[in-house]
Amino acid sequence: MPYETIAKGATDLADRSLRNQPEFDVDSFKDYDKMKGTLAMGGVSKERNAELLDTVPHKDISI
């Protein structure tokens, strides 16, 4: 398949996707009462997150 055909297909797909994206209310993310039903928390070990924890503020709550 020629490169031009692949590139045209990719650009057409990107164009359709951008024109057909769903409505997205960014302000709803700032409203805790709207979002609290969708929030979830998960735990990951300190060892698995060692690299990230070197770069972000955090509090060690290990028991």
C-alpha atoms as a PDB file:
ATOM      1  CA  MET A   1       0.000   0.000   0.000  1.00  0.00           C
ATOM      2  CA  PRO A   2       1.486   3.372  -0.938  1.00  0.00           C
ATOM      3  CA  TYR A   3       2.553   5.748   1.835  1.00  0.00           C
ATOM      4  CA  GLU A   4       0.220   8.456   0.510  1.00  0.00           C
ATOM      5  CA  THR A   5      -2.777   6.137   0.918  1.00  0.00           C
ATOM      6  CA  ILE A   6      -1.817   5.307   4.506  1.00  0.00           C
ATOM      7  CA  ALA A   7      -1.180   8.967   5.350  1.00  0.00           C
ATOM      8  CA  LYS A   8      -4.491  10.050   3.779  1.00  0.00           C
ATOM      9  CA  GLY A   9      -6.362   7.372   5.743  1.00  0.00           C
ATOM     10  CA  ALA A  10      -4.706   8.475   8.994  1.00  0.00           C
ATOM     11  CA  THR A  11      -5.462  12.149   8.421  1.00  0.00           C
ATOM     12  CA  ASP A  12      -9.067  11.386   7.433  1.00  0.00           C
ATOM     13  CA  LEU A  13      -9.542   9.319  10.597  1.00  0.00           C
ATOM     14  CA  ALA A  14      -8.020  12.053  12.781  1.00  0.00           C
ATOM     15  CA  ASP A  15     -10.213  14.688  11.110  1.00  0.00           C
ATOM     16  CA  ARG A  16     -13.410  12.647  11.646  1.00  0.00           C
ATOM     17  CA  SER A  17     -12.462  11.930  15.237  1.00  0.00           C
ATOM     18  CA  LEU A  18     -11.864  15.596  16.009  1.00  0.00           C
ATOM     19  CA  ARG A  19     -15.154  16.653  14.420  1.00  0.00           C
ATOM     20  CA  ASN A  20     -17.140  13.919  16.191  1.00  0.00           C
ATOM     21  CA  GLN A  21     -15.729  14.168  19.686  1.00  0.00           C
ATOM     22  CA  PRO A  22     -18.294  14.119  22.491  1.00  0.00           C
ATOM     23  CA  GLU A  23     -19.182  17.164  24.532  1.00  0.00           C
ATOM     24  CA  PHE A  24     -16.868  17.454  27.498  1.00  0.00           C
ATOM     25  CA  ASP A  25     -17.620  19.685  30.481  1.00  0.00           C
ATOM     26  CA  VAL A  26     -14.252  20.509  32.047  1.00  0.00           C
ATOM     27  CA  ASP A  27     -15.920  22.540  34.790  1.00  0.00           C
ATOM     28  CA  SER A  28     -17.653  19.413  36.106  1.00  0.00           C
ATOM     29  CA  PHE A  29     -14.233  18.070  37.120  1.00  0.00           C
ATOM     30  CA  LYS A  30     -13.861  21.028  39.454  1.00  0.00           C
ATOM     31  CA  ASP A  31     -17.179  20.322  41.196  1.00  0.00           C
ATOM     32  CA  TYR A  32     -16.640  17.709  43.907  1.00  0.00           C
ATOM     33  CA  ASP A  33     -20.372  17.136  44.424  1.00  0.00           C
ATOM     34  CA  LYS A  34     -20.744  16.171  40.756  1.00  0.00           C
ATOM     35  CA  MET A  35     -17.650  13.983  40.700  1.00  0.00           C
ATOM     36  CA  LYS A  36     -17.680  12.244  44.090  1.00  0.00           C
ATOM     37  CA  GLY A  37     -19.756   9.335  42.780  1.00  0.00           C
ATOM     38  CA  THR A  38     -17.158   8.580  40.125  1.00  0.00           C
ATOM     39  CA  LEU A  39     -14.010   8.865  42.232  1.00  0.00           C
ATOM     40  CA  ALA A  40     -12.056   5.794  43.258  1.00  0.00           C
ATOM     41  CA  MET A  41      -8.878   5.198  45.199  1.00  0.00           C
ATOM     42  CA  GLY A  42      -6.410   2.390  44.851  1.00  0.00           C
ATOM     43  CA  GLY A  43      -3.253   1.487  46.652  1.00  0.00           C
ATOM     44  CA  VAL A  44       0.096   0.716  45.075  1.00  0.00           C
ATOM     45  CA  SER A  45       3.200  -0.306  46.964  1.00  0.00           C
ATOM     46  CA  LYS A  46       5.914   2.206  47.768  1.00  0.00           C
ATOM     47  CA  GLU A  47       8.415  -0.025  45.974  1.00  0.00           C
ATOM     48  CA  ARG A  48       6.404  -0.058  42.726  1.00  0.00           C
ATOM     49  CA  ASN A  49       6.088   3.742  42.858  1.00  0.00           C
ATOM     50  CA  ALA A  50       9.638   4.542  44.018  1.00  0.00           C
ATOM     51  CA  GLU A  51      10.548   6.497  40.879  1.00  0.00           C
ATOM     52  CA  LEU A  52       7.358   8.588  40.976  1.00  0.00           C
ATOM     53  CA  LEU A  53       7.658   9.222  44.716  1.00  0.00           C
ATOM     54  CA  ASP A  54      11.094  10.732  44.144  1.00  0.00           C
ATOM     55  CA  THR A  55       9.447  13.525  42.139  1.00  0.00           C
ATOM     56  CA  VAL A  56       6.131  14.305  43.846  1.00  0.00           C
ATOM     57  CA  PRO A  57       5.195  15.474  47.333  1.00  0.00           C
ATOM     58  CA  HIS A  58       3.680  12.660  49.390  1.00  0.00           C
ATOM     59  CA  LYS A  59       3.195  11.425  52.904  1.00  0.00           C
ATOM     60  CA  ASP A  60       4.337   7.968  53.976  1.00  0.00           C
ATOM     61  CA  ILE A  61       1.334   6.324  55.675  1.00  0.00           C
ATOM     62  CA  SER A  62       2.776   2.816  55.866  1.00  0.00           C
ATOM     63  CA  ILE A  63       1.925   0.880  58.969  1.00  0.00           C
END
